[in-house]
Structures are given as C-alpha cells and as structure tokens.
N, C-alpha and C. Protein backbone atom coordinates (compact mmCIF):
# COMPACT_ATOMS: atom_id res chain seq x y z
N MET A 1 0.82 -1.18 0.00
CA MET A 1 0.00 0.00 0.00
C MET A 1 0.88 1.26 0.00
N PHE A 2 1.97 1.25 0.79
CA PHE A 2 2.86 2.40 0.81
C PHE A 2 3.58 2.56 -0.54
N ALA A 3 3.90 1.44 -1.17
CA ALA A 3 4.56 1.51 -2.48
C ALA A 3 3.63 2.14 -3.52
N VAL A 4 2.36 1.76 -3.50
CA VAL A 4 1.39 2.33 -4.44
C VAL A 4 1.22 3.82 -4.16
N ALA A 5 1.15 4.20 -2.88
CA ALA A 5 1.01 5.61 -2.52
C ALA A 5 2.23 6.40 -2.98
N GLY A 6 3.42 5.85 -2.77
CA GLY A 6 4.63 6.53 -3.22
C GLY A 6 4.69 6.66 -4.73
N TRP A 7 4.27 5.60 -5.43
CA TRP A 7 4.25 5.64 -6.89
C TRP A 7 3.29 6.70 -7.40
N LEU A 8 2.07 6.77 -6.83
CA LEU A 8 1.10 7.79 -7.23
C LEU A 8 1.61 9.20 -6.91
N LEU A 9 2.28 9.35 -5.77
CA LEU A 9 2.86 10.64 -5.43
C LEU A 9 3.94 11.04 -6.43
N TRP A 10 4.79 10.09 -6.79
CA TRP A 10 5.83 10.38 -7.77
C TRP A 10 5.22 10.79 -9.11
N ILE A 11 4.20 10.10 -9.56
CA ILE A 11 3.55 10.44 -10.83
C ILE A 11 2.95 11.84 -10.76
N GLY A 12 2.28 12.15 -9.65
CA GLY A 12 1.66 13.47 -9.50
C GLY A 12 2.68 14.59 -9.48
N VAL A 13 3.75 14.42 -8.76
CA VAL A 13 4.78 15.46 -8.68
C VAL A 13 5.48 15.62 -10.02
N ARG A 14 5.77 14.50 -10.69
CA ARG A 14 6.41 14.56 -12.01
C ARG A 14 5.50 15.28 -13.01
N ARG A 15 4.22 14.96 -12.98
CA ARG A 15 3.28 15.62 -13.88
C ARG A 15 3.22 17.12 -13.60
N ALA A 16 3.26 17.50 -12.33
CA ALA A 16 3.20 18.92 -11.97
C ALA A 16 4.42 19.68 -12.46
N PHE A 17 5.60 19.05 -12.43
CA PHE A 17 6.80 19.74 -12.88
C PHE A 17 6.97 19.70 -14.39
N VAL A 18 6.45 18.66 -15.04
CA VAL A 18 6.52 18.60 -16.50
C VAL A 18 5.58 19.63 -17.12
N ASN A 19 4.37 19.74 -16.63
CA ASN A 19 3.38 20.70 -17.12
C ASN A 19 3.28 21.87 -16.14
N SER A 20 4.38 22.56 -15.94
CA SER A 20 4.41 23.60 -14.91
C SER A 20 3.47 24.76 -15.21
N ALA A 21 3.21 25.04 -16.47
CA ALA A 21 2.29 26.14 -16.80
C ALA A 21 0.88 25.81 -16.35
N LEU A 22 0.49 24.54 -16.44
CA LEU A 22 -0.86 24.12 -16.05
C LEU A 22 -1.01 23.99 -14.53
N TYR A 23 0.03 23.46 -13.88
CA TYR A 23 -0.06 23.17 -12.44
C TYR A 23 0.69 24.16 -11.57
N ARG A 24 1.00 25.34 -12.09
CA ARG A 24 1.81 26.32 -11.36
C ARG A 24 1.17 26.66 -10.01
N GLY A 25 1.91 26.54 -8.93
CA GLY A 25 1.45 26.90 -7.60
C GLY A 25 0.56 25.86 -6.95
N LYS A 26 0.28 24.75 -7.63
CA LYS A 26 -0.62 23.74 -7.07
C LYS A 26 0.12 22.55 -6.50
N VAL A 27 1.44 22.55 -6.54
CA VAL A 27 2.20 21.41 -6.06
C VAL A 27 2.71 21.62 -4.63
N ALA A 28 2.76 22.84 -4.16
CA ALA A 28 3.30 23.11 -2.82
C ALA A 28 2.43 22.48 -1.73
N GLY A 29 1.14 22.51 -1.89
CA GLY A 29 0.24 21.94 -0.87
C GLY A 29 0.45 20.45 -0.66
N PRO A 30 0.43 19.64 -1.74
CA PRO A 30 0.68 18.20 -1.54
C PRO A 30 2.07 17.89 -1.00
N ILE A 31 3.08 18.66 -1.42
CA ILE A 31 4.43 18.41 -0.90
C ILE A 31 4.48 18.72 0.60
N LEU A 32 3.87 19.82 1.02
CA LEU A 32 3.82 20.13 2.45
C LEU A 32 3.00 19.10 3.22
N ALA A 33 1.95 18.58 2.60
CA ALA A 33 1.14 17.55 3.26
C ALA A 33 1.97 16.29 3.49
N VAL A 34 2.76 15.90 2.50
CA VAL A 34 3.60 14.71 2.64
C VAL A 34 4.67 14.94 3.70
N LEU A 35 5.27 16.12 3.71
CA LEU A 35 6.27 16.41 4.74
C LEU A 35 5.65 16.43 6.14
N SER A 36 4.43 16.96 6.26
CA SER A 36 3.74 16.96 7.55
C SER A 36 3.41 15.55 8.00
N LEU A 37 2.99 14.72 7.06
CA LEU A 37 2.70 13.32 7.39
C LEU A 37 3.97 12.61 7.84
N GLY A 38 5.08 12.89 7.17
CA GLY A 38 6.36 12.30 7.58
C GLY A 38 6.76 12.75 8.98
N ALA A 39 6.55 14.03 9.29
CA ALA A 39 6.86 14.53 10.64
C ALA A 39 5.97 13.86 11.68
N ALA A 40 4.70 13.66 11.35
CA ALA A 40 3.78 13.01 12.28
C ALA A 40 4.16 11.56 12.52
N VAL A 41 4.56 10.86 11.46
CA VAL A 41 5.00 9.47 11.61
C VAL A 41 6.27 9.40 12.46
N PHE A 42 7.22 10.30 12.21
CA PHE A 42 8.44 10.32 13.02
C PHE A 42 8.13 10.60 14.49
N PHE A 43 7.24 11.58 14.75
CA PHE A 43 6.87 11.89 16.13
C PHE A 43 6.20 10.69 16.79
N GLY A 44 5.31 10.02 16.08
CA GLY A 44 4.66 8.82 16.63
C GLY A 44 5.66 7.74 16.93
N TYR A 45 6.61 7.52 16.02
CA TYR A 45 7.65 6.52 16.25
C TYR A 45 8.49 6.87 17.48
N ALA A 46 8.88 8.15 17.58
CA ALA A 46 9.74 8.57 18.69
C ALA A 46 9.03 8.46 20.03
N THR A 47 7.75 8.78 20.07
CA THR A 47 7.04 8.75 21.36
C THR A 47 6.50 7.38 21.71
N MET A 48 6.09 6.60 20.73
CA MET A 48 5.46 5.32 21.03
C MET A 48 6.45 4.15 21.10
N TYR A 49 7.48 4.16 20.29
CA TYR A 49 8.39 3.03 20.24
C TYR A 49 9.76 3.35 20.82
N ALA A 50 10.39 4.37 20.31
CA ALA A 50 11.77 4.67 20.71
C ALA A 50 11.87 5.03 22.19
N SER A 51 10.87 5.71 22.74
CA SER A 51 10.94 6.07 24.15
C SER A 51 10.84 4.85 25.06
N ARG A 52 10.21 3.78 24.59
CA ARG A 52 10.12 2.56 25.39
C ARG A 52 11.43 1.78 25.40
N GLN A 53 12.33 2.10 24.49
CA GLN A 53 13.62 1.41 24.41
C GLN A 53 14.66 2.03 25.34
N LEU A 54 14.33 3.16 25.99
CA LEU A 54 15.26 3.77 26.92
C LEU A 54 15.43 2.90 28.15
N PRO A 55 16.62 2.83 28.71
CA PRO A 55 16.82 1.99 29.90
C PRO A 55 16.12 2.59 31.12
N ALA A 56 15.66 1.71 32.01
CA ALA A 56 15.00 2.16 33.23
C ALA A 56 16.03 2.73 34.20
N ALA A 57 15.63 3.75 34.95
CA ALA A 57 16.51 4.34 35.95
C ALA A 57 16.55 3.42 37.17
N ALA A 58 17.74 3.02 37.57
CA ALA A 58 17.88 2.06 38.66
C ALA A 58 17.49 2.66 40.01
N GLY A 59 17.83 3.93 40.24
CA GLY A 59 17.57 4.53 41.55
C GLY A 59 16.26 5.30 41.64
N ALA A 60 15.45 5.29 40.59
CA ALA A 60 14.20 6.06 40.60
C ALA A 60 13.16 5.36 41.46
N PRO A 61 12.36 6.13 42.23
CA PRO A 61 11.30 5.50 43.00
C PRO A 61 10.23 4.94 42.07
N SER A 62 9.64 3.83 42.47
CA SER A 62 8.59 3.23 41.66
C SER A 62 7.25 3.87 42.01
N VAL A 63 6.24 3.58 41.21
CA VAL A 63 4.91 4.14 41.41
C VAL A 63 4.36 3.66 42.76
N GLY A 64 3.87 4.58 43.57
CA GLY A 64 3.30 4.26 44.87
C GLY A 64 4.31 4.24 46.01
N GLU A 65 5.59 4.28 45.69
CA GLU A 65 6.62 4.29 46.73
C GLU A 65 6.72 5.68 47.34
N LYS A 66 6.97 5.74 48.64
CA LYS A 66 7.10 7.02 49.32
C LYS A 66 8.38 7.72 48.89
N ALA A 67 8.26 9.01 48.58
CA ALA A 67 9.42 9.79 48.14
C ALA A 67 10.34 10.08 49.33
N PRO A 68 11.63 10.16 49.10
CA PRO A 68 12.55 10.50 50.20
C PRO A 68 12.35 11.95 50.62
N GLU A 69 12.66 12.24 51.86
CA GLU A 69 12.52 13.60 52.40
C GLU A 69 13.47 14.54 51.68
N PHE A 70 12.98 15.72 51.33
CA PHE A 70 13.81 16.71 50.66
C PHE A 70 13.37 18.11 51.06
N THR A 71 14.27 19.07 50.85
CA THR A 71 14.01 20.48 51.11
C THR A 71 14.43 21.27 49.88
N LEU A 72 13.51 22.12 49.38
CA LEU A 72 13.78 22.94 48.21
C LEU A 72 13.33 24.37 48.45
N ALA A 73 13.84 25.28 47.64
CA ALA A 73 13.43 26.68 47.73
C ALA A 73 12.12 26.89 46.99
N ASP A 74 11.22 27.70 47.57
CA ASP A 74 9.98 28.03 46.89
C ASP A 74 10.19 29.24 45.99
N THR A 75 9.11 29.80 45.47
CA THR A 75 9.23 30.92 44.53
C THR A 75 9.76 32.19 45.19
N ASN A 76 9.66 32.29 46.52
CA ASN A 76 10.16 33.45 47.24
C ASN A 76 11.58 33.24 47.78
N GLY A 77 12.15 32.06 47.55
CA GLY A 77 13.49 31.78 48.03
C GLY A 77 13.53 31.15 49.41
N ASN A 78 12.37 30.91 50.04
CA ASN A 78 12.32 30.29 51.36
C ASN A 78 12.47 28.78 51.20
N MET A 79 13.21 28.16 52.11
CA MET A 79 13.40 26.71 52.06
C MET A 79 12.17 26.03 52.65
N VAL A 80 11.63 25.06 51.93
CA VAL A 80 10.43 24.34 52.35
C VAL A 80 10.72 22.85 52.28
N ALA A 81 10.41 22.13 53.36
CA ALA A 81 10.61 20.68 53.41
C ALA A 81 9.32 19.97 53.00
N MET A 82 9.45 18.78 52.44
CA MET A 82 8.28 18.01 52.03
C MET A 82 7.41 17.68 53.24
N SER A 83 8.02 17.34 54.36
CA SER A 83 7.24 16.99 55.55
C SER A 83 6.42 18.18 56.04
N THR A 84 6.94 19.40 55.87
CA THR A 84 6.20 20.60 56.26
C THR A 84 4.96 20.76 55.38
N LEU A 85 5.11 20.53 54.11
CA LEU A 85 3.96 20.65 53.20
C LEU A 85 2.87 19.64 53.53
N LEU A 86 3.27 18.46 53.98
CA LEU A 86 2.29 17.42 54.28
C LEU A 86 1.68 17.55 55.67
N SER A 87 2.31 18.32 56.58
CA SER A 87 1.79 18.39 57.95
C SER A 87 0.97 19.65 58.22
N GLU A 88 1.24 20.75 57.52
CA GLU A 88 0.52 22.00 57.78
C GLU A 88 -0.76 22.06 56.96
N PRO A 89 -1.83 22.66 57.53
CA PRO A 89 -3.04 22.82 56.75
C PRO A 89 -2.83 23.81 55.60
N MET A 90 -3.50 23.55 54.50
CA MET A 90 -3.39 24.43 53.34
C MET A 90 -4.24 25.67 53.57
N PRO A 91 -3.81 26.83 53.10
CA PRO A 91 -4.61 28.04 53.26
C PRO A 91 -5.93 27.92 52.53
N GLY A 92 -6.99 28.34 53.20
CA GLY A 92 -8.32 28.33 52.59
C GLY A 92 -9.03 26.99 52.63
N THR A 93 -8.51 26.01 53.40
CA THR A 93 -9.17 24.70 53.46
C THR A 93 -9.75 24.41 54.83
N ALA A 94 -9.91 25.43 55.66
CA ALA A 94 -10.53 25.30 56.99
C ALA A 94 -9.86 24.24 57.83
N GLY A 95 -8.54 24.23 57.89
CA GLY A 95 -7.81 23.34 58.78
C GLY A 95 -7.60 21.94 58.26
N GLN A 96 -8.01 21.63 57.07
CA GLN A 96 -7.81 20.28 56.54
C GLN A 96 -6.36 20.12 56.09
N LYS A 97 -5.75 19.03 56.49
CA LYS A 97 -4.38 18.75 56.07
C LYS A 97 -4.40 18.10 54.69
N PRO A 98 -3.39 18.38 53.88
CA PRO A 98 -3.35 17.75 52.56
C PRO A 98 -3.14 16.24 52.66
N ARG A 99 -3.72 15.52 51.72
CA ARG A 99 -3.60 14.06 51.73
C ARG A 99 -2.43 13.56 50.88
N GLY A 100 -1.89 14.41 50.05
CA GLY A 100 -0.81 13.97 49.18
C GLY A 100 -0.06 15.15 48.62
N LEU A 101 0.91 14.84 47.82
CA LEU A 101 1.77 15.85 47.23
C LEU A 101 2.13 15.37 45.83
N VAL A 102 2.04 16.25 44.87
CA VAL A 102 2.40 15.91 43.49
C VAL A 102 3.78 16.47 43.20
N LEU A 103 4.68 15.62 42.79
CA LEU A 103 6.03 16.03 42.42
C LEU A 103 6.14 16.01 40.90
N VAL A 104 6.60 17.10 40.32
CA VAL A 104 6.77 17.19 38.88
C VAL A 104 8.26 17.41 38.61
N PHE A 105 8.84 16.55 37.82
CA PHE A 105 10.25 16.65 37.47
C PHE A 105 10.36 17.12 36.03
N TYR A 106 11.01 18.24 35.82
CA TYR A 106 11.23 18.76 34.48
C TYR A 106 12.63 18.38 34.03
N ARG A 107 12.71 17.80 32.85
CA ARG A 107 14.02 17.46 32.27
C ARG A 107 14.23 18.40 31.10
N GLY A 108 15.32 19.09 31.11
CA GLY A 108 15.60 19.99 30.00
C GLY A 108 16.57 21.07 30.43
N TYR A 109 16.73 22.05 29.57
CA TYR A 109 17.64 23.15 29.82
C TYR A 109 16.87 24.44 29.75
N TRP A 110 17.01 25.24 30.79
CA TRP A 110 16.32 26.53 30.81
C TRP A 110 17.34 27.62 30.89
C-alpha cells in the first residue's frame, strides 16, 4: 500500500513539474502535506516506540513508593521541606491537612 502511494505521489509530482504552466502553484500543498505526514510518523515513532527502548533508571522510585525527604526553595526563596507541606493545613481549606503531594520533574535546559 505504501509503495502504491509513493508511486502515485511520484507520478503526480512529475506531472506537476513537466506541465508547470498548467499546475503552477498547485504542487506546494501536496508536498507540504507529505512532509507533515512524515513529521507526524516520526513523532509517533519517537514517542510510542523509541521512548520505550530507553533503559530504566535504577535509583528512581517506583509508582506508589514514598518519596525521600527533601528540602527545596519556593518561589520566594524560602526553604520548604516536604514533611512541612504534608503536615501543615493548606490556606483556605478550613484546617484540613493535605492528603498527598504531586512532584513534577522537568528534564531539560532553561
């Protein structure tokens, strides 16, 4: 099926360039569509298959495992410990203590 699609694409592009006066300006759309489809296929391959081939991190906590205690700076520069966040009531919740904490790890360069 891909061979037939490629063959039809080749015929269409060749026809457009041979009869350029007739097809002038009408070939850019299909070429961009094919390039977009190729980018989508590459993205799907990279996210669905290639990312599963990465090795597992040996020291990473598993799902459901309790995170180790840590202290980090907040947006104001104050040091905040994880245990403090879990023990103090949240503002505006009428004294209810939080039941959990969501940790988000960003990988990249800023």
